[in-house]
Amino acid sequence: MKKIIFVLLSIFTFSSLAVAENSAKYNKELVGFDYPFTVNTLKFNSQNQELKMRYMDVGDRNAKKVIVLLHGKNFAGYYWQRTAQDLIKKGYRVIIPDQIGFGKSSKPDYYQYSFSQLGLNTKILLDSLNIEKFDLVGHSMGGMLAVTFAVNYSQAVNKLILINPIGLEDYSKYVQFKDVNFFYQNELKATMSKAINYQKNNYYDGKWSSEYEKLLIPLKGMLAGDDWQVVAWNNALTYGPIFAENIVDKFSQITNETVLIIGTRDKTGPGRGWLKEGVTRKLGEYKKLGKNAQKMIKGATLIELDGLGHMPHYEDYSVFSKAFNQALKL
């Protein structure tokens, strides 16, 4: 009888949470959405305005090993939960920032986004915590930021780990330039069904699960909230550096030990819908792009994950974690 009551209570609790998640409305800084760890705030002035950079700082503050995890464009720091928990068990202090324009951090009305600016913001955060040396991990757009950071502040980075980064090809060579209004109008038309279909087809090989959908709870709440226009505007502005900055050109400047973890099924190709006239290149062929990047980054190690796509740390955590542990130990 007790077991039946427990099961019924569990079902009720899960259903209540699902209802809460379905009905939640979040503002531009995701107030009300709980992150997996305590969220801290760095207040600083950038581009003549006061901003708030939110971040998680978990693990032993006196740990000898420190690692920084940089999120991709369609997410924020919250999606590193499982990775961070494993790193803490391994004795790491883990820093997980939400970049300006993302997650719980400030969404300015106007901001000149660049990877050097986001890198500087991250350096200011780490300096405020008196962290001088660390391993640096970047996923997706966070990979473009991580490469830029490693080039700009090479002495601070012990090891650079790139997980299915975008920017492995110079999009400006192949893609038409678009005004930010183009991206803004697209963002204003965003819906949950569009987001699910995009991620289902591009990240997870046509599959979907409740675990994948949990990552979209913040988006769902912001779409239902009152601040979507300013969130959409920042989403649009952050496309600028993706298409304008040539990260490939920075590969030869990397002096840090570098590991590429590449899900070879990945086909992420920003801008493939508006290629320049006459361009026949097929964007997003990660099976080739990973190998090319390894050749261009001196001494780089390539770990390929056959059959996995853009989100290996969610699609198959067991396979990913083995590769990630290998990267940490190299």
C-alpha atoms as a PDB file:
ATOM      1  CA  MET A   1       0.000   0.000   0.000  1.00  0.00           C
ATOM      2  CA  LYS A   2       2.827   2.381   0.926  1.00  0.00           C
ATOM      3  CA  LYS A   3       4.496   1.632  -2.398  1.00  0.00           C
ATOM      4  CA  ILE A   4       1.288   2.475  -4.278  1.00  0.00           C
ATOM      5  CA  ILE A   5       0.930   5.754  -2.356  1.00  0.00           C
ATOM      6  CA  PHE A   6       4.577   6.628  -3.118  1.00  0.00           C
ATOM      7  CA  VAL A   7       4.084   5.961  -6.817  1.00  0.00           C
ATOM      8  CA  LEU A   8       0.905   8.042  -6.867  1.00  0.00           C
ATOM      9  CA  LEU A   9       2.675  10.883  -5.055  1.00  0.00           C
ATOM     10  CA  SER A  10       5.569  10.658  -7.523  1.00  0.00           C
ATOM     11  CA  ILE A  11       3.181  10.832 -10.459  1.00  0.00           C
ATOM     12  CA  PHE A  12       1.370  13.770  -8.864  1.00  0.00           C
ATOM     13  CA  THR A  13       4.639  15.593  -8.202  1.00  0.00           C
ATOM     14  CA  PHE A  14       5.891  15.007 -11.745  1.00  0.00           C
ATOM     15  CA  SER A  15       2.545  16.153 -13.168  1.00  0.00           C
ATOM     16  CA  SER A  16       2.589  19.255 -10.978  1.00  0.00           C
ATOM     17  CA  LEU A  17       6.097  20.106 -12.150  1.00  0.00           C
ATOM     18  CA  ALA A  18       5.083  19.560 -15.760  1.00  0.00           C
ATOM     19  CA  VAL A  19       2.102  21.891 -15.329  1.00  0.00           C
ATOM     20  CA  ALA A  20       4.316  24.492 -13.676  1.00  0.00           C
ATOM     21  CA  GLU A  21       6.848  24.250 -16.480  1.00  0.00           C
ATOM     22  CA  ASN A  22       4.123  24.470 -19.105  1.00  0.00           C
ATOM     23  CA  SER A  23       2.591  27.565 -17.541  1.00  0.00           C
ATOM     24  CA  ALA A  24       5.774  29.363 -16.458  1.00  0.00           C
ATOM     25  CA  LYS A  25       6.560  32.790 -17.820  1.00  0.00           C
ATOM     26  CA  TYR A  26      10.109  34.108 -17.582  1.00  0.00           C
ATOM     27  CA  ASN A  27      11.487  37.588 -18.055  1.00  0.00           C
ATOM     28  CA  LYS A  28      14.648  38.436 -19.967  1.00  0.00           C
ATOM     29  CA  GLU A  29      16.849  37.246 -17.070  1.00  0.00           C
ATOM     30  CA  LEU A  30      14.961  33.985 -16.456  1.00  0.00           C
ATOM     31  CA  VAL A  31      13.740  34.951 -12.998  1.00  0.00           C
ATOM     32  CA  GLY A  32      11.902  31.922 -11.627  1.00  0.00           C
ATOM     33  CA  PHE A  33      13.820  29.344 -13.640  1.00  0.00           C
ATOM     34  CA  ASP A  34      16.079  27.357 -11.326  1.00  0.00           C
ATOM     35  CA  TYR A  35      19.609  26.564 -12.408  1.00  0.00           C
ATOM     36  CA  PRO A  36      21.261  23.343 -11.174  1.00  0.00           C
ATOM     37  CA  PHE A  37      23.666  25.240  -8.893  1.00  0.00           C
ATOM     38  CA  THR A  38      23.742  28.549  -7.037  1.00  0.00           C
ATOM     39  CA  VAL A  39      23.825  31.512  -9.430  1.00  0.00           C
ATOM     40  CA  ASN A  40      26.207  34.389  -8.684  1.00  0.00           C
ATOM     41  CA  THR A  41      26.354  37.854 -10.221  1.00  0.00           C
ATOM     42  CA  LEU A  42      29.278  39.921 -11.492  1.00  0.00           C
ATOM     43  CA  LYS A  43      28.386  43.587 -11.982  1.00  0.00           C
ATOM     44  CA  PHE A  44      30.634  45.462 -14.382  1.00  0.00           C
ATOM     45  CA  ASN A  45      30.611  48.325 -16.863  1.00  0.00           C
ATOM     46  CA  SER A  46      30.952  47.506 -20.545  1.00  0.00           C
ATOM     47  CA  GLN A  47      30.322  49.704 -23.570  1.00  0.00           C
ATOM     48  CA  ASN A  48      29.150  52.550 -21.305  1.00  0.00           C
ATOM     49  CA  GLN A  49      26.481  50.569 -19.494  1.00  0.00           C
ATOM     50  CA  GLU A  50      26.141  48.639 -16.249  1.00  0.00           C
ATOM     51  CA  LEU A  51      25.723  44.933 -16.891  1.00  0.00           C
ATOM     52  CA  LYS A  52      25.190  41.792 -14.837  1.00  0.00           C
ATOM     53  CA  MET A  53      26.989  38.595 -15.776  1.00  0.00           C
ATOM     54  CA  ARG A  54      25.501  35.552 -14.067  1.00  0.00           C
ATOM     55  CA  TYR A  55      27.642  32.477 -13.415  1.00  0.00           C
ATOM     56  CA  MET A  56      27.871  29.283 -11.399  1.00  0.00           C
ATOM     57  CA  ASP A  57      30.999  28.555  -9.369  1.00  0.00           C
ATOM     58  CA  VAL A  58      30.888  25.008  -8.027  1.00  0.00           C
ATOM     59  CA  GLY A  59      33.276  22.586  -6.394  1.00  0.00           C
ATOM     60  CA  ASP A  60      36.078  23.164  -3.914  1.00  0.00           C
ATOM     61  CA  ARG A  61      37.197  26.807  -4.044  1.00  0.00           C
ATOM     62  CA  ASN A  62      40.702  25.632  -3.146  1.00  0.00           C
ATOM     63  CA  ALA A  63      40.857  22.967  -5.828  1.00  0.00           C
ATOM     64  CA  LYS A  64      44.117  22.828  -7.762  1.00  0.00           C
ATOM     65  CA  LYS A  65      42.241  22.070 -10.994  1.00  0.00           C
ATOM     66  CA  VAL A  66      39.898  24.704 -12.424  1.00  0.00           C
ATOM     67  CA  ILE A  67      37.821  24.354 -15.574  1.00  0.00           C
ATOM     68  CA  VAL A  68      35.602  26.866 -17.407  1.00  0.00           C
ATOM     69  CA  LEU A  69      32.618  25.685 -19.470  1.00  0.00           C
ATOM     70  CA  LEU A  70      31.357  27.937 -22.287  1.00  0.00           C
ATOM     71  CA  HIS A  71      27.827  27.370 -23.596  1.00  0.00           C
ATOM     72  CA  GLY A  72      26.492  27.428 -27.148  1.00  0.00           C
ATOM     73  CA  LYS A  73      24.134  29.908 -28.766  1.00  0.00           C
ATOM     74  CA  ASN A  74      20.810  28.139 -28.247  1.00  0.00           C
ATOM     75  CA  PHE A  75      21.379  27.412 -24.562  1.00  0.00           C
ATOM     76  CA  ALA A  76      23.072  28.826 -21.473  1.00  0.00           C
ATOM     77  CA  GLY A  77      25.105  27.515 -18.565  1.00  0.00           C
ATOM     78  CA  TYR A  78      22.339  25.310 -17.141  1.00  0.00           C
ATOM     79  CA  TYR A  79      22.914  22.567 -19.739  1.00  0.00           C
ATOM     80  CA  TRP A  80      26.346  21.733 -18.279  1.00  0.00           C
ATOM     81  CA  GLN A  81      24.822  20.204 -15.119  1.00  0.00           C
ATOM     82  CA  ARG A  82      25.795  16.576 -15.609  1.00  0.00           C
ATOM     83  CA  THR A  83      29.254  17.418 -16.943  1.00  0.00           C
ATOM     84  CA  ALA A  84      29.869  19.751 -14.001  1.00  0.00           C
ATOM     85  CA  GLN A  85      28.756  17.154 -11.456  1.00  0.00           C
ATOM     86  CA  ASP A  86      31.239  14.655 -12.867  1.00  0.00           C
ATOM     87  CA  LEU A  87      34.007  17.246 -12.898  1.00  0.00           C
ATOM     88  CA  ILE A  88      33.371  18.081  -9.239  1.00  0.00           C
ATOM     89  CA  LYS A  89      33.782  14.375  -8.387  1.00  0.00           C
ATOM     90  CA  LYS A  90      37.148  14.514 -10.151  1.00  0.00           C
ATOM     91  CA  GLY A  91      38.283  17.367  -7.928  1.00  0.00           C
ATOM     92  CA  TYR A  92      37.676  20.322 -10.245  1.00  0.00           C
ATOM     93  CA  ARG A  93      36.406  23.757  -9.411  1.00  0.00           C
ATOM     94  CA  VAL A  94      33.958  24.485 -12.234  1.00  0.00           C
ATOM     95  CA  ILE A  95      33.068  27.958 -13.528  1.00  0.00           C
ATOM     96  CA  ILE A  96      30.013  28.187 -15.787  1.00  0.00           C
ATOM     97  CA  PRO A  97      29.207  31.686 -17.059  1.00  0.00           C
ATOM     98  CA  ASP A  98      26.131  32.870 -18.898  1.00  0.00           C
ATOM     99  CA  GLN A  99      27.509  35.241 -21.505  1.00  0.00           C
ATOM    100  CA  ILE A 100      26.005  38.713 -21.786  1.00  0.00           C
ATOM    101  CA  GLY A 101      22.887  38.335 -23.933  1.00  0.00           C
ATOM    102  CA  PHE A 102      22.234  34.763 -22.773  1.00  0.00           C
ATOM    103  CA  GLY A 103      20.498  32.924 -19.956  1.00  0.00           C
ATOM    104  CA  LYS A 104      20.247  34.929 -16.741  1.00  0.00           C
ATOM    105  CA  SER A 105      22.757  37.591 -17.784  1.00  0.00           C
ATOM    106  CA  SER A 106      21.881  41.103 -18.950  1.00  0.00           C
ATOM    107  CA  LYS A 107      20.179  41.599 -22.320  1.00  0.00           C
ATOM    108  CA  PRO A 108      21.265  45.105 -23.373  1.00  0.00           C
ATOM    109  CA  ASP A 109      19.149  47.198 -25.719  1.00  0.00           C
ATOM    110  CA  TYR A 110      22.326  47.778 -27.716  1.00  0.00           C
ATOM    111  CA  TYR A 111      25.651  45.954 -27.570  1.00  0.00           C
ATOM    112  CA  GLN A 112      28.489  45.444 -30.032  1.00  0.00           C
ATOM    113  CA  TYR A 113      28.860  41.706 -29.759  1.00  0.00           C
ATOM    114  CA  SER A 114      32.157  40.102 -30.717  1.00  0.00           C
ATOM    115  CA  PHE A 115      34.001  37.064 -29.475  1.00  0.00           C
ATOM    116  CA  SER A 116      36.820  39.278 -28.250  1.00  0.00           C
ATOM    117  CA  GLN A 117      34.310  41.278 -26.195  1.00  0.00           C
ATOM    118  CA  LEU A 118      32.716  38.152 -24.739  1.00  0.00           C
ATOM    119  CA  GLY A 119      36.212  36.810 -24.088  1.00  0.00           C
ATOM    120  CA  LEU A 120      37.143  40.002 -22.245  1.00  0.00           C
ATOM    121  CA  ASN A 121      33.954  39.800 -20.187  1.00  0.00           C
ATOM    122  CA  THR A 122      34.854  36.224 -19.244  1.00  0.00           C
ATOM    123  CA  LYS A 123      38.413  37.267 -18.353  1.00  0.00           C
ATOM    124  CA  ILE A 124      37.042  40.041 -16.102  1.00  0.00           C
ATOM    125  CA  LEU A 125      34.882  37.441 -14.356  1.00  0.00           C
ATOM    126  CA  LEU A 126      37.785  35.044 -13.818  1.00  0.00           C
ATOM    127  CA  ASP A 127      40.069  37.845 -12.641  1.00  0.00           C
ATOM    128  CA  SER A 128      37.416  38.856 -10.093  1.00  0.00           C
ATOM    129  CA  LEU A 129      37.573  35.291  -8.753  1.00  0.00           C
ATOM    130  CA  ASN A 130      41.400  35.366  -8.695  1.00  0.00           C
ATOM    131  CA  ILE A 131      41.544  32.468 -11.145  1.00  0.00           C
ATOM    132  CA  GLU A 132      44.696  32.686 -13.246  1.00  0.00           C
ATOM    133  CA  LYS A 133      45.032  29.250 -14.925  1.00  0.00           C
ATOM    134  CA  PHE A 134      42.368  26.833 -16.059  1.00  0.00           C
ATOM    135  CA  ASP A 135      41.223  24.371 -18.682  1.00  0.00           C
ATOM    136  CA  LEU A 136      38.774  25.901 -21.150  1.00  0.00           C
ATOM    137  CA  VAL A 137      35.870  24.026 -22.742  1.00  0.00           C
ATOM    138  CA  GLY A 138      33.653  25.405 -25.502  1.00  0.00           C
ATOM    139  CA  HIS A 139      30.653  23.807 -27.176  1.00  0.00           C
ATOM    140  CA  SER A 140      29.056  25.029 -30.431  1.00  0.00           C
ATOM    141  CA  MET A 141      29.253  28.854 -30.464  1.00  0.00           C
ATOM    142  CA  GLY A 142      31.149  28.543 -27.197  1.00  0.00           C
ATOM    143  CA  GLY A 143      33.878  26.912 -29.273  1.00  0.00           C
ATOM    144  CA  MET A 144      34.278  30.072 -31.339  1.00  0.00           C
ATOM    145  CA  LEU A 145      34.531  32.034 -28.097  1.00  0.00           C
ATOM    146  CA  ALA A 146      36.964  29.532 -26.562  1.00  0.00           C
ATOM    147  CA  VAL A 147      39.315  29.729 -29.558  1.00  0.00           C
ATOM    148  CA  THR A 148      39.274  33.526 -29.430  1.00  0.00           C
ATOM    149  CA  PHE A 149      39.896  33.491 -25.675  1.00  0.00           C
ATOM    150  CA  ALA A 150      42.797  31.047 -26.008  1.00  0.00           C
ATOM    151  CA  VAL A 151      44.424  33.222 -28.656  1.00  0.00           C
ATOM    152  CA  ASN A 152      43.880  36.470 -26.716  1.00  0.00           C
ATOM    153  CA  TYR A 153      44.848  35.083 -23.284  1.00  0.00           C
ATOM    154  CA  SER A 154      47.019  32.078 -24.071  1.00  0.00           C
ATOM    155  CA  GLN A 155      48.911  32.224 -20.761  1.00  0.00           C
ATOM    156  CA  ALA A 156      45.692  31.675 -18.813  1.00  0.00           C
ATOM    157  CA  VAL A 157      44.650  28.476 -20.605  1.00  0.00           C
ATOM    158  CA  ASN A 158      46.155  25.117 -19.687  1.00  0.00           C
ATOM    159  CA  LYS A 159      44.163  23.053 -22.155  1.00  0.00           C
ATOM    160  CA  LEU A 160      41.560  23.919 -24.787  1.00  0.00           C
ATOM    161  CA  ILE A 161      38.742  21.414 -25.369  1.00  0.00           C
ATOM    162  CA  LEU A 162      36.348  22.055 -28.244  1.00  0.00           C
ATOM    163  CA  ILE A 163      33.109  20.047 -28.417  1.00  0.00           C
ATOM    164  CA  ASN A 164      31.433  20.205 -31.834  1.00  0.00           C
ATOM    165  CA  PRO A 165      32.324  23.875 -32.210  1.00  0.00           C
ATOM    166  CA  ILE A 166      30.826  25.935 -34.973  1.00  0.00           C
ATOM    167  CA  GLY A 167      33.229  28.184 -36.859  1.00  0.00           C
ATOM    168  CA  LEU A 168      35.285  25.306 -38.269  1.00  0.00           C
ATOM    169  CA  GLU A 169      34.764  26.984 -41.647  1.00  0.00           C
ATOM    170  CA  ASP A 170      34.719  30.688 -42.540  1.00  0.00           C
ATOM    171  CA  TYR A 171      31.029  31.362 -43.133  1.00  0.00           C
ATOM    172  CA  SER A 172      31.690  34.813 -44.570  1.00  0.00           C
ATOM    173  CA  LYS A 173      33.277  33.172 -47.630  1.00  0.00           C
ATOM    174  CA  TYR A 174      30.125  31.300 -48.503  1.00  0.00           C
ATOM    175  CA  VAL A 175      27.166  33.092 -46.914  1.00  0.00           C
ATOM    176  CA  GLN A 176      25.432  36.325 -47.913  1.00  0.00           C
ATOM    177  CA  PHE A 177      25.721  39.154 -45.398  1.00  0.00           C
ATOM    178  CA  LYS A 178      22.449  39.836 -43.608  1.00  0.00           C
ATOM    179  CA  ASP A 179      21.388  42.894 -41.644  1.00  0.00           C
ATOM    180  CA  VAL A 180      20.550  42.201 -38.011  1.00  0.00           C
ATOM    181  CA  ASN A 181      16.924  42.963 -38.856  1.00  0.00           C
ATOM    182  CA  PHE A 182      16.844  39.708 -40.841  1.00  0.00           C
ATOM    183  CA  PHE A 183      17.711  37.686 -37.750  1.00  0.00           C
ATOM    184  CA  TYR A 184      15.468  39.797 -35.516  1.00  0.00           C
ATOM    185  CA  GLN A 185      12.400  39.130 -37.646  1.00  0.00           C
ATOM    186  CA  ASN A 186      13.188  35.418 -37.609  1.00  0.00           C
ATOM    187  CA  GLU A 187      13.539  35.459 -33.829  1.00  0.00           C
ATOM    188  CA  LEU A 188      10.217  37.272 -33.425  1.00  0.00           C
ATOM    189  CA  LYS A 189       8.575  34.382 -35.284  1.00  0.00           C
ATOM    190  CA  ALA A 190      10.092  31.769 -32.965  1.00  0.00           C
ATOM    191  CA  THR A 191       7.820  29.097 -31.515  1.00  0.00           C
ATOM    192  CA  MET A 192       8.359  26.004 -29.441  1.00  0.00           C
ATOM    193  CA  SER A 193       7.370  23.742 -32.324  1.00  0.00           C
ATOM    194  CA  LYS A 194       9.940  25.417 -34.599  1.00  0.00           C
ATOM    195  CA  ALA A 195      12.650  25.055 -31.952  1.00  0.00           C
ATOM    196  CA  ILE A 196      11.807  21.397 -31.374  1.00  0.00           C
ATOM    197  CA  ASN A 197      11.758  20.617 -35.081  1.00  0.00           C
ATOM    198  CA  TYR A 198      15.080  22.401 -35.643  1.00  0.00           C
ATOM    199  CA  GLN A 199      16.846  20.620 -32.791  1.00  0.00           C
ATOM    200  CA  LYS A 200      15.204  17.282 -33.534  1.00  0.00           C
ATOM    201  CA  ASN A 201      16.364  17.350 -37.148  1.00  0.00           C
ATOM    202  CA  ASN A 202      19.730  19.051 -36.686  1.00  0.00           C
ATOM    203  CA  TYR A 203      20.923  17.820 -33.287  1.00  0.00           C
ATOM    204  CA  TYR A 204      19.355  14.447 -32.603  1.00  0.00           C
ATOM    205  CA  ASP A 205      19.015  12.636 -35.945  1.00  0.00           C
ATOM    206  CA  GLY A 206      15.230  12.954 -36.053  1.00  0.00           C
ATOM    207  CA  LYS A 207      14.738  11.653 -32.509  1.00  0.00           C
ATOM    208  CA  TRP A 208      13.235  13.468 -29.545  1.00  0.00           C
ATOM    209  CA  SER A 209      12.900  12.870 -25.816  1.00  0.00           C
ATOM    210  CA  SER A 210      11.699  14.531 -22.632  1.00  0.00           C
ATOM    211  CA  GLU A 211      15.341  15.134 -21.661  1.00  0.00           C
ATOM    212  CA  TYR A 212      15.926  17.111 -24.837  1.00  0.00           C
ATOM    213  CA  GLU A 213      12.731  19.077 -24.282  1.00  0.00           C
ATOM    214  CA  LYS A 214      13.771  20.055 -20.743  1.00  0.00           C
ATOM    215  CA  LEU A 215      16.558  22.126 -22.294  1.00  0.00           C
ATOM    216  CA  LEU A 216      13.876  24.251 -23.985  1.00  0.00           C
ATOM    217  CA  ILE A 217      11.963  25.142 -20.802  1.00  0.00           C
ATOM    218  CA  PRO A 218      13.752  28.536 -20.563  1.00  0.00           C
ATOM    219  CA  LEU A 219      12.860  29.325 -24.181  1.00  0.00           C
ATOM    220  CA  LYS A 220       9.240  28.340 -23.645  1.00  0.00           C
ATOM    221  CA  GLY A 221       8.973  30.583 -20.588  1.00  0.00           C
ATOM    222  CA  MET A 222      10.584  33.563 -22.310  1.00  0.00           C
ATOM    223  CA  LEU A 223       8.364  33.149 -25.368  1.00  0.00           C
ATOM    224  CA  ALA A 224       5.374  33.341 -23.020  1.00  0.00           C
ATOM    225  CA  GLY A 225       6.818  36.263 -21.045  1.00  0.00           C
ATOM    226  CA  ASP A 226       6.745  39.999 -21.619  1.00  0.00           C
ATOM    227  CA  ASP A 227      10.398  40.477 -22.617  1.00  0.00           C
ATOM    228  CA  TRP A 228      10.623  38.359 -25.739  1.00  0.00           C
ATOM    229  CA  GLN A 229      11.316  41.354 -27.992  1.00  0.00           C
ATOM    230  CA  VAL A 230      14.501  42.305 -26.125  1.00  0.00           C
ATOM    231  CA  VAL A 231      15.543  38.634 -25.876  1.00  0.00           C
ATOM    232  CA  ALA A 232      14.910  38.224 -29.611  1.00  0.00           C
ATOM    233  CA  TRP A 233      16.936  41.371 -30.323  1.00  0.00           C
ATOM    234  CA  ASN A 234      19.933  40.041 -28.395  1.00  0.00           C
ATOM    235  CA  ASN A 235      19.538  36.656 -30.082  1.00  0.00           C
ATOM    236  CA  ALA A 236      19.696  38.489 -33.390  1.00  0.00           C
ATOM    237  CA  LEU A 237      22.707  40.620 -32.428  1.00  0.00           C
ATOM    238  CA  THR A 238      24.717  37.553 -31.405  1.00  0.00           C
ATOM    239  CA  TYR A 239      24.514  36.169 -34.926  1.00  0.00           C
ATOM    240  CA  GLY A 240      26.810  39.007 -35.993  1.00  0.00           C
ATOM    241  CA  PRO A 241      30.143  37.580 -34.808  1.00  0.00           C
ATOM    242  CA  ILE A 242      29.239  34.077 -35.989  1.00  0.00           C
ATOM    243  CA  PHE A 243      29.072  35.257 -39.596  1.00  0.00           C
ATOM    244  CA  ALA A 244      31.579  38.115 -39.432  1.00  0.00           C
ATOM    245  CA  GLU A 245      34.527  36.579 -37.562  1.00  0.00           C
ATOM    246  CA  ASN A 246      36.873  34.099 -39.188  1.00  0.00           C
ATOM    247  CA  ILE A 247      37.782  31.640 -36.434  1.00  0.00           C
ATOM    248  CA  VAL A 248      39.595  29.338 -38.862  1.00  0.00           C
ATOM    249  CA  ASP A 249      42.222  32.040 -39.306  1.00  0.00           C
ATOM    250  CA  LYS A 250      42.934  31.846 -35.571  1.00  0.00           C
ATOM    251  CA  PHE A 251      43.714  28.117 -35.555  1.00  0.00           C
ATOM    252  CA  SER A 252      47.360  28.664 -36.469  1.00  0.00           C
ATOM    253  CA  GLN A 253      47.651  31.140 -33.567  1.00  0.00           C
ATOM    254  CA  ILE A 254      46.638  28.626 -30.897  1.00  0.00           C
ATOM    255  CA  THR A 255      49.624  27.652 -28.746  1.00  0.00           C
ATOM    256  CA  ASN A 256      47.713  25.711 -26.100  1.00  0.00           C
ATOM    257  CA  GLU A 257      47.237  21.962 -25.990  1.00  0.00           C
ATOM    258  CA  THR A 258      43.985  21.419 -27.883  1.00  0.00           C
ATOM    259  CA  VAL A 259      41.526  18.533 -28.057  1.00  0.00           C
ATOM    260  CA  LEU A 260      38.663  18.383 -30.548  1.00  0.00           C
ATOM    261  CA  ILE A 261      35.707  16.178 -29.611  1.00  0.00           C
ATOM    262  CA  ILE A 262      33.613  15.808 -32.750  1.00  0.00           C
ATOM    263  CA  GLY A 263      30.331  14.002 -33.207  1.00  0.00           C
ATOM    264  CA  THR A 264      30.812  13.121 -36.865  1.00  0.00           C
ATOM    265  CA  ARG A 265      27.104  13.022 -37.730  1.00  0.00           C
ATOM    266  CA  ASP A 266      26.882  16.757 -37.043  1.00  0.00           C
ATOM    267  CA  LYS A 267      25.729  18.812 -40.038  1.00  0.00           C
ATOM    268  CA  THR A 268      25.366  22.218 -38.366  1.00  0.00           C
ATOM    269  CA  GLY A 269      25.961  24.809 -41.087  1.00  0.00           C
ATOM    270  CA  PRO A 270      24.908  28.356 -40.140  1.00  0.00           C
ATOM    271  CA  GLY A 271      23.761  30.306 -43.185  1.00  0.00           C
ATOM    272  CA  ARG A 272      23.261  27.377 -45.531  1.00  0.00           C
ATOM    273  CA  GLY A 273      19.858  28.832 -46.337  1.00  0.00           C
ATOM    274  CA  TRP A 274      21.340  31.989 -47.859  1.00  0.00           C
ATOM    275  CA  LEU A 275      24.542  31.014 -49.634  1.00  0.00           C
ATOM    276  CA  LYS A 276      26.208  33.465 -51.981  1.00  0.00           C
ATOM    277  CA  GLU A 277      25.307  33.097 -55.623  1.00  0.00           C
ATOM    278  CA  GLY A 278      27.329  30.343 -57.255  1.00  0.00           C
ATOM    279  CA  VAL A 279      28.503  28.780 -53.991  1.00  0.00           C
ATOM    280  CA  THR A 280      28.208  25.006 -54.099  1.00  0.00           C
ATOM    281  CA  ARG A 281      30.007  24.205 -50.845  1.00  0.00           C
ATOM    282  CA  LYS A 282      28.114  21.965 -48.462  1.00  0.00           C
ATOM    283  CA  LEU A 283      28.373  23.556 -45.030  1.00  0.00           C
ATOM    284  CA  GLY A 284      28.588  21.573 -41.824  1.00  0.00           C
ATOM    285  CA  GLU A 285      30.409  18.408 -42.878  1.00  0.00           C
ATOM    286  CA  TYR A 286      31.923  17.761 -39.475  1.00  0.00           C
ATOM    287  CA  LYS A 287      33.484  14.454 -40.484  1.00  0.00           C
ATOM    288  CA  LYS A 288      35.768  16.532 -42.731  1.00  0.00           C
ATOM    289  CA  LEU A 289      35.843  19.722 -40.660  1.00  0.00           C
ATOM    290  CA  GLY A 290      37.197  18.022 -37.553  1.00  0.00           C
ATOM    291  CA  LYS A 291      40.113  16.531 -39.467  1.00  0.00           C
ATOM    292  CA  ASN A 292      40.839  19.850 -41.184  1.00  0.00           C
ATOM    293  CA  ALA A 293      40.877  21.693 -37.860  1.00  0.00           C
ATOM    294  CA  GLN A 294      43.220  19.123 -36.358  1.00  0.00           C
ATOM    295  CA  LYS A 295      45.695  19.740 -39.177  1.00  0.00           C
ATOM    296  CA  MET A 296      45.553  23.522 -38.698  1.00  0.00           C
ATOM    297  CA  ILE A 297      45.933  23.528 -34.903  1.00  0.00           C
ATOM    298  CA  LYS A 298      49.485  22.578 -34.003  1.00  0.00           C
ATOM    299  CA  GLY A 299      49.624  19.346 -32.019  1.00  0.00           C
ATOM    300  CA  ALA A 300      45.847  19.036 -31.725  1.00  0.00           C
ATOM    301  CA  THR A 301      44.217  15.749 -30.773  1.00  0.00           C
ATOM    302  CA  LEU A 302      41.009  14.690 -32.529  1.00  0.00           C
ATOM    303  CA  ILE A 303      38.510  12.378 -30.821  1.00  0.00           C
ATOM    304  CA  GLU A 304      35.717  11.388 -33.201  1.00  0.00           C
ATOM    305  CA  LEU A 305      32.365  10.138 -31.931  1.00  0.00           C
ATOM    306  CA  ASP A 306      30.874   8.169 -34.784  1.00  0.00           C
ATOM    307  CA  GLY A 307      27.109   8.338 -35.049  1.00  0.00           C
ATOM    308  CA  LEU A 308      26.701  11.331 -32.724  1.00  0.00           C
ATOM    309  CA  GLY A 309      25.722  14.861 -33.698  1.00  0.00           C
ATOM    310  CA  HIS A 310      25.941  18.415 -32.412  1.00  0.00           C
ATOM    311  CA  MET A 311      24.977  17.642 -28.791  1.00  0.00           C
ATOM    312  CA  PRO A 312      27.081  14.610 -27.839  1.00  0.00           C
ATOM    313  CA  HIS A 313      26.924  15.483 -24.123  1.00  0.00           C
ATOM    314  CA  TYR A 314      23.153  15.015 -24.292  1.00  0.00           C
ATOM    315  CA  GLU A 315      22.673  12.543 -27.107  1.00  0.00           C
ATOM    316  CA  ASP A 316      24.842   9.834 -25.523  1.00  0.00           C
ATOM    317  CA  TYR A 317      26.440  10.937 -22.280  1.00  0.00           C
ATOM    318  CA  SER A 318      28.175   7.622 -21.709  1.00  0.00           C
ATOM    319  CA  VAL A 319      30.063   7.814 -24.997  1.00  0.00           C
ATOM    320  CA  PHE A 320      30.726  11.524 -24.560  1.00  0.00           C
ATOM    321  CA  SER A 321      32.019  11.193 -21.002  1.00  0.00           C
ATOM    322  CA  LYS A 322      34.612   8.604 -22.047  1.00  0.00           C
ATOM    323  CA  ALA A 323      35.902  10.969 -24.726  1.00  0.00           C
ATOM    324  CA  PHE A 324      35.806  13.928 -22.347  1.00  0.00           C
ATOM    325  CA  ASN A 325      37.720  12.021 -19.671  1.00  0.00           C
ATOM    326  CA  GLN A 326      40.280  11.060 -22.286  1.00  0.00           C
ATOM    327  CA  ALA A 327      40.643  14.727 -23.237  1.00  0.00           C
ATOM    328  CA  LEU A 328      41.117  15.756 -19.617  1.00  0.00           C
ATOM    329  CA  LYS A 329      43.842  13.165 -19.061  1.00  0.00           C
ATOM    330  CA  LEU A 330      45.885  13.898 -22.210  1.00  0.00           C
END
